[in-house]
């Protein structure tokens, strides 16, 4: 999965968080990111300026917090 590869690479580089924006209307992508461990942070009003303008949801993945969850789940 591309998202897992991105997160693994960010972890290798010492980053603590990964963030992204998703169109508010893109329900499938939003749910996929949530399933991957991303959480909603803020709504960016009129972030996408094509017609019609649309809000974006900024989502954040906390590498350290999610790794702790994985260790607790996997023993």
Protein backbone atom coordinates (compact mmCIF):
# COMPACT_ATOMS: atom_id res chain seq x y z
CA UNK A 1 0.00 0.00 0.00
CA UNK A 2 1.37 3.38 -1.02
CA UNK A 3 0.37 5.09 2.24
CA UNK A 4 2.27 2.50 4.31
CA UNK A 5 5.37 3.03 2.15
CA UNK A 6 5.10 6.80 2.66
CA UNK A 7 4.73 6.40 6.43
CA UNK A 8 7.64 3.93 6.63
CA UNK A 9 9.87 6.33 4.67
CA UNK A 10 8.87 9.26 6.90
CA UNK A 11 9.69 7.14 9.96
CA UNK A 12 13.12 6.22 8.55
CA UNK A 13 13.83 9.92 8.05
CA UNK A 14 12.93 10.67 11.66
CA UNK A 15 9.67 12.48 11.01
CA UNK A 16 7.01 12.34 13.70
CA UNK A 17 3.93 13.16 11.62
CA UNK A 18 2.60 12.92 8.09
CA UNK A 19 -0.17 15.21 6.92
CA UNK A 20 -2.33 15.40 3.81
CA UNK A 21 -5.40 17.12 2.48
CA UNK A 22 -8.42 15.34 1.06
CA UNK A 23 -11.45 16.85 -0.68
CA UNK A 24 -14.41 16.94 1.66
CA UNK A 25 -16.53 15.23 -1.02
CA UNK A 26 -14.04 12.35 -1.45
CA UNK A 27 -15.65 10.11 1.15
CA UNK A 28 -13.89 6.94 -0.01
CA UNK A 29 -10.41 8.45 0.27
CA UNK A 30 -11.28 10.02 3.63
CA UNK A 31 -12.35 6.64 5.01
CA UNK A 32 -9.27 4.89 3.57
CA UNK A 33 -6.97 7.40 5.27
CA UNK A 34 -8.85 7.01 8.56
CA UNK A 35 -8.51 3.23 8.29
CA UNK A 36 -4.76 3.73 7.77
CA UNK A 37 -4.56 5.68 11.04
CA UNK A 38 -4.92 9.30 9.93
CA UNK A 39 -7.13 11.60 12.00
CA UNK A 40 -8.94 14.78 11.00
CA UNK A 41 -7.12 17.93 12.08
CA UNK A 42 -8.81 20.96 10.50
CA UNK A 43 -11.07 21.95 7.62
CA UNK A 44 -9.44 24.29 5.12
CA UNK A 45 -12.19 26.47 3.68
CA UNK A 46 -12.21 26.74 -0.14
CA UNK A 47 -8.83 24.97 -0.33
CA UNK A 48 -9.57 23.66 -3.81
CA UNK A 49 -10.24 26.65 -6.04
CA UNK A 50 -11.51 24.90 -9.16
CA UNK A 51 -15.16 25.43 -9.94
CA UNK A 52 -16.93 25.01 -7.62
CA UNK A 53 -14.55 25.76 -4.76
CA UNK A 54 -14.40 23.02 -2.16
CA UNK A 55 -13.13 22.58 1.37
CA UNK A 56 -10.31 20.21 2.24
CA UNK A 57 -9.92 18.13 5.36
CA UNK A 58 -6.37 18.15 6.66
CA UNK A 59 -5.52 14.77 8.14
CA UNK A 60 -2.52 13.84 10.27
CA UNK A 61 -0.83 10.53 11.02
CA UNK A 62 1.23 10.47 14.23
CA UNK A 63 4.02 7.98 13.59
CA UNK A 64 5.01 7.37 17.21
CA UNK A 65 1.46 7.07 18.55
CA UNK A 66 0.43 4.62 15.85
CA UNK A 67 3.58 2.52 16.27
CA UNK A 68 2.79 2.18 20.00
CA UNK A 69 -0.72 1.00 19.10
CA UNK A 70 0.72 -1.56 16.67
CA UNK A 71 3.11 -2.93 19.31
CA UNK A 72 0.31 -3.22 21.86
CA UNK A 73 -1.95 -4.96 19.34
CA UNK A 74 0.72 -7.34 18.04
CA UNK A 75 2.13 -8.18 21.44
